[in-house]
Amino acid sequence: MAARIFQRYKNAMQSGKARTDRWVLEFLPREARKADPLMGWAGSGDTQVQVQLDFPSAEAAAAYAKRYGIDAKVDQTPPKSLKLQAYADNFR
């Protein structure tokens, strides 16, 4: 089983930072999705993709993966850079 560990990102529709400090272990798909012949919806028989586990830190998620023999890759969160602007900069 392969998985990835990443920190939750802030949704574009939210202004707060709730649950962005949590780390998530998410399983990678084992088979490709295929179109259903009747409805045309994409799907597969792999139900592990639907599982997401929350952890307080990346170390806790990596320890869980190691304990259960899950081949996990940790994706570090890129550093946040703020572009400070003033309204007066629009008129320079």
PDB file of N, CA and C in Angstrom:
ATOM      1  N   MET A   1       0.833  -1.182   0.000  1.00  0.00           N
ATOM      2  CA  MET A   1       0.000   0.000   0.000  1.00  0.00           C
ATOM      3  C   MET A   1       0.876   1.244   0.000  1.00  0.00           C
ATOM      4  N   ALA A   2       0.560   2.161  -0.846  1.00  0.00           N
ATOM      5  CA  ALA A   2       1.288   3.421  -0.909  1.00  0.00           C
ATOM      6  C   ALA A   2       0.372   4.538  -0.411  1.00  0.00           C
ATOM      7  N   ALA A   3       0.973   5.502   0.251  1.00  0.00           N
ATOM      8  CA  ALA A   3       0.198   6.618   0.785  1.00  0.00           C
ATOM      9  C   ALA A   3       1.051   7.877   0.748  1.00  0.00           C
ATOM     10  N   ARG A   4       0.407   8.999   0.937  1.00  0.00           N
ATOM     11  CA  ARG A   4       1.134  10.259   1.063  1.00  0.00           C
ATOM     12  C   ARG A   4       0.645  10.961   2.316  1.00  0.00           C
ATOM     13  N   ILE A   5       1.560  11.679   2.938  1.00  0.00           N
ATOM     14  CA  ILE A   5       1.265  12.424   4.159  1.00  0.00           C
ATOM     15  C   ILE A   5       1.468  13.894   3.833  1.00  0.00           C
ATOM     16  N   PHE A   6       0.458  14.697   4.084  1.00  0.00           N
ATOM     17  CA  PHE A   6       0.551  16.120   3.778  1.00  0.00           C
ATOM     18  C   PHE A   6      -0.215  16.915   4.820  1.00  0.00           C
ATOM     19  N   GLN A   7       0.089  18.192   4.888  1.00  0.00           N
ATOM     20  CA  GLN A   7      -0.620  19.079   5.805  1.00  0.00           C
ATOM     21  C   GLN A   7      -1.816  19.665   5.068  1.00  0.00           C
ATOM     22  N   ARG A   8      -2.944  19.724   5.760  1.00  0.00           N
ATOM     23  CA  ARG A   8      -4.140  20.281   5.131  1.00  0.00           C
ATOM     24  C   ARG A   8      -3.877  21.713   4.679  1.00  0.00           C
ATOM     25  N   TYR A   9      -4.400  22.060   3.545  1.00  0.00           N
ATOM     26  CA  TYR A   9      -4.267  23.413   3.026  1.00  0.00           C
ATOM     27  C   TYR A   9      -5.574  24.161   3.236  1.00  0.00           C
ATOM     28  N   LYS A  10      -5.466  25.472   3.223  1.00  0.00           N
ATOM     29  CA  LYS A  10      -6.648  26.301   3.411  1.00  0.00           C
ATOM     30  C   LYS A  10      -7.455  26.323   2.121  1.00  0.00           C
ATOM     31  N   ASN A  11      -8.707  26.039   2.220  1.00  0.00           N
ATOM     32  CA  ASN A  11      -9.602  26.058   1.080  1.00  0.00           C
ATOM     33  C   ASN A  11      -9.765  27.493   0.583  1.00  0.00           C
ATOM     34  N   ALA A  12      -9.936  27.677  -0.702  1.00  0.00           N
ATOM     35  CA  ALA A  12     -10.113  29.013  -1.266  1.00  0.00           C
ATOM     36  C   ALA A  12     -11.412  29.661  -0.790  1.00  0.00           C
ATOM     37  N   MET A  13     -12.359  28.851  -0.329  1.00  0.00           N
ATOM     38  CA  MET A  13     -13.642  29.378   0.100  1.00  0.00           C
ATOM     39  C   MET A  13     -13.682  29.691   1.594  1.00  0.00           C
ATOM     40  N   GLN A  14     -12.595  29.459   2.306  1.00  0.00           N
ATOM     41  CA  GLN A  14     -12.612  29.732   3.732  1.00  0.00           C
ATOM     42  C   GLN A  14     -11.634  30.849   4.065  1.00  0.00           C
ATOM     43  N   SER A  15     -11.993  31.660   5.035  1.00  0.00           N
ATOM     44  CA  SER A  15     -11.115  32.756   5.432  1.00  0.00           C
ATOM     45  C   SER A  15     -10.302  32.392   6.667  1.00  0.00           C
ATOM     46  N   GLY A  16     -10.780  31.460   7.462  1.00  0.00           N
ATOM     47  CA  GLY A  16     -10.080  31.066   8.673  1.00  0.00           C
ATOM     48  C   GLY A  16      -9.049  29.989   8.408  1.00  0.00           C
ATOM     49  N   LYS A  17      -8.361  29.586   9.470  1.00  0.00           N
ATOM     50  CA  LYS A  17      -7.314  28.575   9.347  1.00  0.00           C
ATOM     51  C   LYS A  17      -7.657  27.310  10.141  1.00  0.00           C
ATOM     52  N   ALA A  18      -8.929  27.021  10.282  1.00  0.00           N
ATOM     53  CA  ALA A  18      -9.349  25.849  11.047  1.00  0.00           C
ATOM     54  C   ALA A  18      -8.862  24.574  10.378  1.00  0.00           C
ATOM     55  N   ARG A  19      -8.322  23.653  11.176  1.00  0.00           N
ATOM     56  CA  ARG A  19      -7.863  22.334  10.755  1.00  0.00           C
ATOM     57  C   ARG A  19      -6.695  22.372   9.774  1.00  0.00           C
ATOM     58  N   THR A  20      -6.021  23.522   9.589  1.00  0.00           N
ATOM     59  CA  THR A  20      -4.870  23.554   8.701  1.00  0.00           C
ATOM     60  C   THR A  20      -3.601  23.113   9.405  1.00  0.00           C
ATOM     61  N   ASP A  21      -3.662  22.942  10.724  1.00  0.00           N
ATOM     62  CA  ASP A  21      -2.493  22.466  11.452  1.00  0.00           C
ATOM     63  C   ASP A  21      -2.445  20.940  11.510  1.00  0.00           C
ATOM     64  N   ARG A  22      -3.468  20.263  11.018  1.00  0.00           N
ATOM     65  CA  ARG A  22      -3.538  18.800  11.045  1.00  0.00           C
ATOM     66  C   ARG A  22      -2.806  18.211   9.839  1.00  0.00           C
ATOM     67  N   TRP A  23      -2.281  17.002   9.996  1.00  0.00           N
ATOM     68  CA  TRP A  23      -1.621  16.268   8.922  1.00  0.00           C
ATOM     69  C   TRP A  23      -2.510  15.107   8.514  1.00  0.00           C
ATOM     70  N   VAL A  24      -2.532  14.790   7.230  1.00  0.00           N
ATOM     71  CA  VAL A  24      -3.439  13.789   6.678  1.00  0.00           C
ATOM     72  C   VAL A  24      -2.627  12.680   6.009  1.00  0.00           C
ATOM     73  N   LEU A  25      -3.003  11.437   6.298  1.00  0.00           N
ATOM     74  CA  LEU A  25      -2.472  10.284   5.583  1.00  0.00           C
ATOM     75  C   LEU A  25      -3.543   9.851   4.597  1.00  0.00           C
ATOM     76  N   GLU A  26      -3.204   9.884   3.320  1.00  0.00           N
ATOM     77  CA  GLU A  26      -4.161   9.583   2.252  1.00  0.00           C
ATOM     78  C   GLU A  26      -3.576   8.482   1.371  1.00  0.00           C
ATOM     79  N   PHE A  27      -4.345   7.444   1.106  1.00  0.00           N
ATOM     80  CA  PHE A  27      -3.869   6.326   0.298  1.00  0.00           C
ATOM     81  C   PHE A  27      -3.915   6.674  -1.181  1.00  0.00           C
ATOM     82  N   LEU A  28      -2.919   6.218  -1.923  1.00  0.00           N
ATOM     83  CA  LEU A  28      -2.859   6.443  -3.368  1.00  0.00           C
ATOM     84  C   LEU A  28      -3.645   5.354  -4.080  1.00  0.00           C
ATOM     85  N   PRO A  29      -4.229   5.663  -5.238  1.00  0.00           N
ATOM     86  CA  PRO A  29      -5.029   4.652  -5.948  1.00  0.00           C
ATOM     87  C   PRO A  29      -4.168   3.504  -6.465  1.00  0.00           C
ATOM     88  N   ARG A  30      -4.704   2.289  -6.351  1.00  0.00           N
ATOM     89  CA  ARG A  30      -3.992   1.096  -6.826  1.00  0.00           C
ATOM     90  C   ARG A  30      -4.392   0.724  -8.243  1.00  0.00           C
ATOM     91  N   GLU A  31      -5.527   1.203  -8.698  1.00  0.00           N
ATOM     92  CA  GLU A  31      -5.963   0.896 -10.067  1.00  0.00           C
ATOM     93  C   GLU A  31      -6.557   2.158 -10.688  1.00  0.00           C
ATOM     94  N   ALA A  32      -6.526   2.200 -11.997  1.00  0.00           N
ATOM     95  CA  ALA A  32      -7.031   3.367 -12.719  1.00  0.00           C
ATOM     96  C   ALA A  32      -8.554   3.402 -12.661  1.00  0.00           C
ATOM     97  N   ARG A  33      -9.082   4.596 -12.706  1.00  0.00           N
ATOM     98  CA  ARG A  33     -10.540   4.736 -12.751  1.00  0.00           C
ATOM     99  C   ARG A  33     -11.019   4.468 -14.166  1.00  0.00           C
ATOM    100  N   LYS A  34     -12.177   3.877 -14.265  1.00  0.00           N
ATOM    101  CA  LYS A  34     -12.739   3.563 -15.577  1.00  0.00           C
ATOM    102  C   LYS A  34     -14.187   4.037 -15.632  1.00  0.00           C
ATOM    103  N   ALA A  35     -14.644   4.302 -16.831  1.00  0.00           N
ATOM    104  CA  ALA A  35     -16.007   4.787 -17.014  1.00  0.00           C
ATOM    105  C   ALA A  35     -16.995   3.639 -16.882  1.00  0.00           C
ATOM    106  N   ASP A  36     -18.091   3.900 -16.176  1.00  0.00           N
ATOM    107  CA  ASP A  36     -19.168   2.924 -16.034  1.00  0.00           C
ATOM    108  C   ASP A  36     -19.892   2.830 -17.376  1.00  0.00           C
ATOM    109  N   PRO A  37     -20.142   1.621 -17.914  1.00  0.00           N
ATOM    110  CA  PRO A  37     -20.770   1.523 -19.226  1.00  0.00           C
ATOM    111  C   PRO A  37     -22.203   2.064 -19.269  1.00  0.00           C
ATOM    112  N   LEU A  38     -22.920   2.007 -18.161  1.00  0.00           N
ATOM    113  CA  LEU A  38     -24.307   2.444 -18.164  1.00  0.00           C
ATOM    114  C   LEU A  38     -24.433   3.952 -17.964  1.00  0.00           C
ATOM    115  N   MET A  39     -23.805   4.468 -16.921  1.00  0.00           N
ATOM    116  CA  MET A  39     -23.979   5.878 -16.581  1.00  0.00           C
ATOM    117  C   MET A  39     -22.848   6.772 -17.101  1.00  0.00           C
ATOM    118  N   GLY A  40     -21.671   6.189 -17.322  1.00  0.00           N
ATOM    119  CA  GLY A  40     -20.545   6.979 -17.790  1.00  0.00           C
ATOM    120  C   GLY A  40     -19.749   7.638 -16.678  1.00  0.00           C
ATOM    121  N   TRP A  41     -20.103   7.370 -15.429  1.00  0.00           N
ATOM    122  CA  TRP A  41     -19.373   7.949 -14.302  1.00  0.00           C
ATOM    123  C   TRP A  41     -18.047   7.227 -14.128  1.00  0.00           C
ATOM    124  N   ALA A  42     -17.039   7.951 -13.683  1.00  0.00           N
ATOM    125  CA  ALA A  42     -15.736   7.346 -13.444  1.00  0.00           C
ATOM    126  C   ALA A  42     -15.729   6.705 -12.061  1.00  0.00           C
ATOM    127  N   GLY A  43     -15.160   5.517 -11.968  1.00  0.00           N
ATOM    128  CA  GLY A  43     -15.101   4.820 -10.696  1.00  0.00           C
ATOM    129  C   GLY A  43     -14.133   3.662 -10.761  1.00  0.00           C
ATOM    130  N   SER A  44     -13.881   3.078  -9.607  1.00  0.00           N
ATOM    131  CA  SER A  44     -13.001   1.910  -9.540  1.00  0.00           C
ATOM    132  C   SER A  44     -13.410   1.062  -8.347  1.00  0.00           C
ATOM    133  N   GLY A  45     -12.811  -0.097  -8.236  1.00  0.00           N
ATOM    134  CA  GLY A  45     -13.103  -0.986  -7.127  1.00  0.00           C
ATOM    135  C   GLY A  45     -12.210  -0.741  -5.921  1.00  0.00           C
ATOM    136  N   ASP A  46     -11.327   0.237  -6.010  1.00  0.00           N
ATOM    137  CA  ASP A  46     -10.382   0.530  -4.931  1.00  0.00           C
ATOM    138  C   ASP A  46     -11.054   1.443  -3.900  1.00  0.00           C
ATOM    139  N   THR A  47     -11.386   0.896  -2.738  1.00  0.00           N
ATOM    140  CA  THR A  47     -12.056   1.697  -1.708  1.00  0.00           C
ATOM    141  C   THR A  47     -11.081   2.369  -0.753  1.00  0.00           C
ATOM    142  N   GLN A  48      -9.783   2.027  -0.805  1.00  0.00           N
ATOM    143  CA  GLN A  48      -8.803   2.654   0.079  1.00  0.00           C
ATOM    144  C   GLN A  48      -8.634   4.143  -0.232  1.00  0.00           C
ATOM    145  N   VAL A  49      -8.938   4.555  -1.455  1.00  0.00           N
ATOM    146  CA  VAL A  49      -8.778   5.959  -1.843  1.00  0.00           C
ATOM    147  C   VAL A  49      -9.708   6.854  -1.022  1.00  0.00           C
ATOM    148  N   GLN A  50     -10.793   6.309  -0.526  1.00  0.00           N
ATOM    149  CA  GLN A  50     -11.769   7.089   0.220  1.00  0.00           C
ATOM    150  C   GLN A  50     -11.340   7.335   1.664  1.00  0.00           C
ATOM    151  N   VAL A  51     -10.273   6.666   2.120  1.00  0.00           N
ATOM    152  CA  VAL A  51      -9.845   6.753   3.515  1.00  0.00           C
ATOM    153  C   VAL A  51      -8.830   7.882   3.692  1.00  0.00           C
ATOM    154  N   GLN A  52      -9.099   8.766   4.652  1.00  0.00           N
ATOM    155  CA  GLN A  52      -8.167   9.821   5.049  1.00  0.00           C
ATOM    156  C   GLN A  52      -8.070   9.796   6.567  1.00  0.00           C
ATOM    157  N   LEU A  53      -6.847   9.721   7.078  1.00  0.00           N
ATOM    158  CA  LEU A  53      -6.627   9.681   8.515  1.00  0.00           C
ATOM    159  C   LEU A  53      -5.962  10.975   8.955  1.00  0.00           C
ATOM    160  N   ASP A  54      -6.463  11.600  10.033  1.00  0.00           N
ATOM    161  CA  ASP A  54      -5.912  12.846  10.560  1.00  0.00           C
ATOM    162  C   ASP A  54      -4.945  12.558  11.699  1.00  0.00           C
ATOM    163  N   PHE A  55      -3.870  13.339  11.744  1.00  0.00           N
ATOM    164  CA  PHE A  55      -2.866  13.229  12.793  1.00  0.00           C
ATOM    165  C   PHE A  55      -2.448  14.626  13.236  1.00  0.00           C
ATOM    166  N   PRO A  56      -1.990  14.763  14.483  1.00  0.00           N
ATOM    167  CA  PRO A  56      -1.572  16.089  14.960  1.00  0.00           C
ATOM    168  C   PRO A  56      -0.228  16.539  14.402  1.00  0.00           C
ATOM    169  N   SER A  57       0.617  15.596  13.932  1.00  0.00           N
ATOM    170  CA  SER A  57       1.929  15.979  13.402  1.00  0.00           C
ATOM    171  C   SER A  57       2.336  15.008  12.303  1.00  0.00           C
ATOM    172  N   ALA A  58       3.336  15.415  11.524  1.00  0.00           N
ATOM    173  CA  ALA A  58       3.838  14.556  10.454  1.00  0.00           C
ATOM    174  C   ALA A  58       4.546  13.338  11.039  1.00  0.00           C
ATOM    175  N   GLU A  59       5.196  13.522  12.190  1.00  0.00           N
ATOM    176  CA  GLU A  59       5.893  12.405  12.823  1.00  0.00           C
ATOM    177  C   GLU A  59       4.913  11.329  13.279  1.00  0.00           C
ATOM    178  N   ALA A  60       3.765  11.746  13.796  1.00  0.00           N
ATOM    179  CA  ALA A  60       2.750  10.784  14.230  1.00  0.00           C
ATOM    180  C   ALA A  60       2.190  10.011  13.037  1.00  0.00           C
ATOM    181  N   ALA A  61       1.976  10.690  11.928  1.00  0.00           N
ATOM    182  CA  ALA A  61       1.474  10.023  10.729  1.00  0.00           C
ATOM    183  C   ALA A  61       2.510   9.056  10.173  1.00  0.00           C
ATOM    184  N   ALA A  62       3.783   9.453  10.173  1.00  0.00           N
ATOM    185  CA  ALA A  62       4.844   8.575   9.679  1.00  0.00           C
ATOM    186  C   ALA A  62       5.013   7.365  10.590  1.00  0.00           C
ATOM    187  N   ALA A  63       4.873   7.559  11.902  1.00  0.00           N
ATOM    188  CA  ALA A  63       4.970   6.441  12.836  1.00  0.00           C
ATOM    189  C   ALA A  63       3.823   5.454  12.619  1.00  0.00           C
ATOM    190  N   TYR A  64       2.623   5.951  12.366  1.00  0.00           N
ATOM    191  CA  TYR A  64       1.472   5.086  12.083  1.00  0.00           C
ATOM    192  C   TYR A  64       1.720   4.275  10.811  1.00  0.00           C
ATOM    193  N   ALA A  65       2.223   4.941   9.771  1.00  0.00           N
ATOM    194  CA  ALA A  65       2.491   4.258   8.507  1.00  0.00           C
ATOM    195  C   ALA A  65       3.561   3.182   8.690  1.00  0.00           C
ATOM    196  N   LYS A  66       4.586   3.483   9.462  1.00  0.00           N
ATOM    197  CA  LYS A  66       5.648   2.503   9.690  1.00  0.00           C
ATOM    198  C   LYS A  66       5.137   1.311  10.498  1.00  0.00           C
ATOM    199  N   ARG A  67       4.294   1.591  11.495  1.00  0.00           N
ATOM    200  CA  ARG A  67       3.753   0.527  12.343  1.00  0.00           C
ATOM    201  C   ARG A  67       2.922  -0.465  11.546  1.00  0.00           C
ATOM    202  N   TYR A  68       2.171   0.019  10.553  1.00  0.00           N
ATOM    203  CA  TYR A  68       1.286  -0.855   9.779  1.00  0.00           C
ATOM    204  C   TYR A  68       1.850  -1.226   8.410  1.00  0.00           C
ATOM    205  N   GLY A  69       3.124  -0.918   8.162  1.00  0.00           N
ATOM    206  CA  GLY A  69       3.770  -1.334   6.915  1.00  0.00           C
ATOM    207  C   GLY A  69       3.272  -0.613   5.681  1.00  0.00           C
ATOM    208  N   ILE A  70       2.890   0.637   5.827  1.00  0.00           N
ATOM    209  CA  ILE A  70       2.408   1.439   4.710  1.00  0.00           C
ATOM    210  C   ILE A  70       3.587   2.234   4.162  1.00  0.00           C
ATOM    211  N   ASP A  71       3.806   2.151   2.863  1.00  0.00           N
ATOM    212  CA  ASP A  71       4.880   2.901   2.225  1.00  0.00           C
ATOM    213  C   ASP A  71       4.391   4.339   2.012  1.00  0.00           C
ATOM    214  N   ALA A  72       4.782   5.235   2.912  1.00  0.00           N
ATOM    215  CA  ALA A  72       4.268   6.608   2.888  1.00  0.00           C
ATOM    216  C   ALA A  72       5.368   7.596   2.540  1.00  0.00           C
ATOM    217  N   LYS A  73       4.981   8.629   1.795  1.00  0.00           N
ATOM    218  CA  LYS A  73       5.882   9.712   1.426  1.00  0.00           C
ATOM    219  C   LYS A  73       5.344  10.996   2.048  1.00  0.00           C
ATOM    220  N   VAL A  74       6.205  11.724   2.754  1.00  0.00           N
ATOM    221  CA  VAL A  74       5.792  12.955   3.419  1.00  0.00           C
ATOM    222  C   VAL A  74       6.020  14.129   2.480  1.00  0.00           C
ATOM    223  N   ASP A  75       4.954  14.859   2.171  1.00  0.00           N
ATOM    224  CA  ASP A  75       5.038  16.080   1.370  1.00  0.00           C
ATOM    225  C   ASP A  75       5.083  17.261   2.319  1.00  0.00           C
ATOM    226  N   GLN A  76       6.231  17.930   2.386  1.00  0.00           N
ATOM    227  CA  GLN A  76       6.370  19.080   3.275  1.00  0.00           C
ATOM    228  C   GLN A  76       5.589  20.268   2.721  1.00  0.00           C
ATOM    229  N   THR A  77       5.060  21.064   3.611  1.00  0.00           N
ATOM    230  CA  THR A  77       4.318  22.249   3.230  1.00  0.00           C
ATOM    231  C   THR A  77       5.296  23.335   2.790  1.00  0.00           C
ATOM    232  N   PRO A  78       5.068  23.952   1.631  1.00  0.00           N
ATOM    233  CA  PRO A  78       5.979  25.019   1.211  1.00  0.00           C
ATOM    234  C   PRO A  78       5.855  26.225   2.137  1.00  0.00           C
ATOM    235  N   PRO A  79       6.936  26.975   2.322  1.00  0.00           N
ATOM    236  CA  PRO A  79       6.860  28.146   3.212  1.00  0.00           C
ATOM    237  C   PRO A  79       5.918  29.201   2.644  1.00  0.00           C
ATOM    238  N   LYS A  80       5.204  29.842   3.532  1.00  0.00           N
ATOM    239  CA  LYS A  80       4.253  30.872   3.113  1.00  0.00           C
ATOM    240  C   LYS A  80       4.983  32.192   2.957  1.00  0.00           C
ATOM    241  N   SER A  81       4.706  32.879   1.869  1.00  0.00           N
ATOM    242  CA  SER A  81       5.316  34.190   1.653  1.00  0.00           C
ATOM    243  C   SER A  81       4.192  35.217   1.511  1.00  0.00           C
ATOM    244  N   LEU A  82       4.301  36.261   2.266  1.00  0.00           N
ATOM    245  CA  LEU A  82       3.296  37.318   2.226  1.00  0.00           C
ATOM    246  C   LEU A  82       3.795  38.469   1.372  1.00  0.00           C
ATOM    247  N   LYS A  83       2.934  38.977   0.527  1.00  0.00           N
ATOM    248  CA  LYS A  83       3.260  40.140  -0.271  1.00  0.00           C
ATOM    249  C   LYS A  83       2.503  41.323   0.350  1.00  0.00           C
ATOM    250  N   LEU A  84       3.230  42.103   1.118  1.00  0.00           N
ATOM    251  CA  LEU A  84       2.601  43.224   1.803  1.00  0.00           C
ATOM    252  C   LEU A  84       2.384  44.359   0.822  1.00  0.00           C
ATOM    253  N   GLN A  85       1.163  44.832   0.775  1.00  0.00           N
ATOM    254  CA  GLN A  85       0.807  45.894  -0.151  1.00  0.00           C
ATOM    255  C   GLN A  85       0.016  46.959   0.584  1.00  0.00           C
ATOM    256  N   ALA A  86       0.099  48.125   0.067  1.00  0.00           N
ATOM    257  CA  ALA A  86      -0.713  49.224   0.578  1.00  0.00           C
ATOM    258  C   ALA A  86      -1.581  49.734  -0.572  1.00  0.00           C
ATOM    259  N   TYR A  87      -2.697  50.298  -0.225  1.00  0.00           N
ATOM    260  CA  TYR A  87      -3.605  50.815  -1.249  1.00  0.00           C
ATOM    261  C   TYR A  87      -2.943  51.938  -2.035  1.00  0.00           C
ATOM    262  N   ALA A  88      -2.059  52.687  -1.405  1.00  0.00           N
ATOM    263  CA  ALA A  88      -1.373  53.804  -2.063  1.00  0.00           C
ATOM    264  C   ALA A  88      -0.422  53.332  -3.161  1.00  0.00           C
ATOM    265  N   ASP A  89       0.019  52.070  -3.106  1.00  0.00           N
ATOM    266  CA  ASP A  89       0.914  51.554  -4.142  1.00  0.00           C
ATOM    267  C   ASP A  89       0.239  51.503  -5.513  1.00  0.00           C
ATOM    268  N   ASN A  90      -1.072  51.489  -5.562  1.00  0.00           N
ATOM    269  CA  ASN A  90      -1.790  51.478  -6.834  1.00  0.00           C
ATOM    270  C   ASN A  90      -1.634  52.788  -7.609  1.00  0.00           C
ATOM    271  N   PHE A  91      -1.221  53.850  -6.934  1.00  0.00           N
ATOM    272  CA  PHE A  91      -1.160  55.167  -7.574  1.00  0.00           C
ATOM    273  C   PHE A  91       0.262  55.657  -7.752  1.00  0.00           C
ATOM    274  N   ARG A  92       1.250  54.818  -7.652  1.00  0.00           N
ATOM    275  CA  ARG A  92       2.655  55.219  -7.853  1.00  0.00           C
ATOM    276  C   ARG A  92       3.108  54.941  -9.246  1.00  0.00           C
TER     277      ARG A  92
END
